[in-house]
Every structure is written in structure tokens, then in C-alpha cells.
């Protein structure tokens, strides 16, 4: 499978410039890309190369626009997303972004959240390929 993030600037009447990020996948042997998820925001987070990671033929994940994690465990046919808004980091993390993520073939993983540099970055762990996240101990 091949993954790419398409970045676009969108203008809306009466609204400032928005930046949109669309994650697209082309399955192995496929000829066309299809949309997985899209996010639009006023801020323009950088899309780092390490934001997209194909672990093996079945498992891949991508951080889209710094706020959405998309995960596939079946070679890109189906995707699940996790939004940073699902993270309850308490009063010191009411606006954060996904700093990094690592998922392993056995379903375990570690996600680090950046909360506007207010102290240590919270880390979350998963044992089910990112379906559920809980604070690391």
C-alpha cells in the first residue's frame, strides 16, 4: 500500500485562510488513491515525513494535520481514526496535538501528546492497534 497526505489551502467567504490535509491510500496493486480522512484547520502544522509509517503489508498509521491518527490493520482497506479531541489531558491540555506515535505488529503502541509545552508530554499506550488509549504509567 502507498500513503500520501495532500495539503491544500482553502478560502471561505468571511473566514481566514484554512489549511486542509487529506490522507489518501492506494492499495497494493491498485492504480488510484482514495480518501481515508481529511482535517481542516486555521493553523498550519507541518507534515513531517515520519507522520506516515507503513509497518508491514497490513499495518500502517499516519498523523494527519497533527490532530488525527489514522490506522489500518488490513492493508489499507479499512481505517479507524482517533482525534486529539478524544484525549482528556485535564485543564493543562485543552489544546494539544499528536507529537509522535509508534504501533507494533502485536497491537501495542505508544502515543505522545504535546500540550503547548506545559510540562512533560503525556504518553498514552494501546494494546489494540490504537482503538483505545490509556495513560502510560
Protein backbone atom coordinates (compact mmCIF):
# COMPACT_ATOMS: atom_id res chain seq x y z
CA UNK A 1 0.00 0.00 0.00
CA UNK A 2 1.08 3.57 -0.58
CA UNK A 3 0.03 6.52 1.57
CA UNK A 4 0.18 10.22 0.92
CA UNK A 5 -1.09 13.40 2.54
CA UNK A 6 -2.38 16.09 0.22
CA UNK A 7 -2.16 19.61 1.65
CA UNK A 8 -4.38 22.42 0.36
CA UNK A 9 -5.19 25.98 1.26
CA UNK A 10 -8.91 26.74 1.39
CA UNK A 11 -10.52 30.18 1.37
CA UNK A 12 -14.00 30.59 2.72
CA UNK A 13 -16.05 33.79 2.44
CA UNK A 14 -15.66 35.80 5.63
CA UNK A 15 -13.17 33.30 7.06
CA UNK A 16 -9.41 33.43 7.08
CA UNK A 17 -7.24 31.02 5.18
CA UNK A 18 -7.70 27.39 6.22
CA UNK A 19 -5.30 24.52 5.60
CA UNK A 20 -6.67 21.10 4.81
CA UNK A 21 -4.88 17.77 4.96
CA UNK A 22 -6.28 14.68 3.26
CA UNK A 23 -4.81 11.23 3.88
CA UNK A 24 -5.10 9.05 0.79
CA UNK A 25 -4.26 5.38 0.24
CA UNK A 26 -3.51 3.33 -2.85
CA UNK A 27 -3.83 -0.39 -2.04
CA UNK A 28 -1.17 -2.78 -3.25
CA UNK A 29 -1.77 -3.44 -6.94
CA UNK A 30 -4.22 -0.53 -7.16
CA UNK A 31 -4.00 2.31 -9.63
CA UNK A 32 -5.93 5.07 -7.85
CA UNK A 33 -5.73 6.75 -4.48
CA UNK A 34 -8.83 7.03 -2.29
CA UNK A 35 -9.58 9.36 0.62
CA UNK A 36 -9.17 8.00 4.15
CA UNK A 37 -9.73 11.13 6.25
CA UNK A 38 -9.50 14.90 6.00
CA UNK A 39 -8.95 17.67 8.52
CA UNK A 40 -9.11 21.46 8.08
CA UNK A 41 -7.64 24.00 10.46
CA UNK A 42 -6.59 27.61 10.69
CA UNK A 43 -3.16 26.71 11.96
CA UNK A 44 -0.71 25.16 9.56
CA UNK A 45 1.05 22.30 11.30
CA UNK A 46 3.97 20.85 9.44
CA UNK A 47 3.59 17.40 7.93
CA UNK A 48 6.74 15.58 8.92
CA UNK A 49 7.92 12.60 6.90
CA UNK A 50 7.70 10.41 10.00
CA UNK A 51 3.98 11.24 10.25
CA UNK A 52 3.31 8.37 7.82
CA UNK A 53 4.51 4.91 8.75
CA UNK A 54 3.88 1.64 6.91
CA UNK A 55 4.86 -1.00 9.48
CA UNK A 56 4.18 -4.04 7.28
CA UNK A 57 1.85 -5.12 4.45
CA UNK A 58 -1.18 -4.95 6.76
CA UNK A 59 -0.37 -2.31 9.40
CA UNK A 60 0.10 1.41 8.71
CA UNK A 61 -0.64 4.63 10.54
CA UNK A 62 -0.50 8.34 9.82
CA UNK A 63 -0.79 11.56 11.81
CA UNK A 64 -2.96 13.91 9.76
CA UNK A 65 -2.76 17.63 10.45
CA UNK A 66 -1.21 16.89 13.86
CA UNK A 67 -4.65 16.15 15.36
CA UNK A 68 -5.92 12.89 13.81
CA UNK A 69 -4.34 9.45 13.94
CA UNK A 70 -5.49 7.07 11.18
CA UNK A 71 -4.72 3.34 11.49
CA UNK A 72 -5.25 0.38 9.17
CA UNK A 73 -4.65 -3.27 10.07
CA UNK A 74 -5.83 -4.79 6.79
CA UNK A 75 -3.55 -3.31 4.17
CA UNK A 76 -5.49 -0.07 3.75
CA UNK A 77 -8.96 -1.44 3.01
CA UNK A 78 -10.43 -0.14 6.29
CA UNK A 79 -9.27 2.66 8.55
CA UNK A 80 -10.00 3.84 12.08
CA UNK A 81 -9.31 7.35 13.27
CA UNK A 82 -8.56 8.80 16.67
CA UNK A 83 -8.91 12.53 17.19
CA UNK A 84 -6.83 14.52 19.69
CA UNK A 85 -10.16 15.90 20.95
CA UNK A 86 -10.79 12.39 22.35
CA UNK A 87 -7.86 12.90 24.72
CA UNK A 88 -8.77 14.27 28.13
CA UNK A 89 -5.49 15.70 29.30
CA UNK A 90 -7.03 17.83 32.02
CA UNK A 91 -7.00 21.59 32.37
CA UNK A 92 -3.38 21.91 31.22
CA UNK A 93 -4.04 20.20 27.89
CA UNK A 94 -7.21 21.64 26.47
CA UNK A 95 -5.44 22.28 23.17
CA UNK A 96 -2.75 19.89 22.10
CA UNK A 97 -1.54 17.86 19.17
CA UNK A 98 -0.13 14.43 18.45
CA UNK A 99 3.63 14.66 18.75
CA UNK A 100 4.54 11.07 17.84
CA UNK A 101 3.12 7.57 17.60
CA UNK A 102 4.58 4.09 17.30
CA UNK A 103 2.46 0.99 16.67
CA UNK A 104 3.83 -2.55 16.68
CA UNK A 105 2.63 -5.62 14.76
CA UNK A 106 1.35 -7.15 18.04
CA UNK A 107 -1.07 -4.22 18.57
CA UNK A 108 0.88 -2.45 21.29
CA UNK A 109 1.86 1.16 20.86
CA UNK A 110 2.83 4.48 22.37
CA UNK A 111 1.40 7.90 21.53
CA UNK A 112 2.90 11.15 22.81
CA UNK A 113 0.78 14.31 23.09
CA UNK A 114 2.20 17.82 23.12
CA UNK A 115 0.16 20.18 25.31
CA UNK A 116 1.57 23.53 24.28
CA UNK A 117 4.80 22.75 26.13
CA UNK A 118 3.14 22.85 29.53
CA UNK A 119 5.40 20.42 31.32
CA UNK A 120 6.13 16.82 30.38
CA UNK A 121 4.40 15.47 27.31
CA UNK A 122 1.67 12.97 28.26
CA UNK A 123 2.14 9.47 26.86
CA UNK A 124 -0.66 7.04 26.10
CA UNK A 125 -0.43 3.29 25.46
CA UNK A 126 -2.57 0.88 23.47
CA UNK A 127 -2.81 -2.89 23.18
CA UNK A 128 -5.41 -2.96 20.39
CA UNK A 129 -3.81 -1.08 17.48
CA UNK A 130 -4.98 2.32 18.75
CA UNK A 131 -8.67 1.59 19.17
CA UNK A 132 -8.31 2.59 22.82
CA UNK A 133 -5.61 4.62 24.54
CA UNK A 134 -4.86 4.94 28.24
CA UNK A 135 -2.27 6.93 30.17
CA UNK A 136 1.15 5.28 30.38
CA UNK A 137 2.23 4.58 33.93
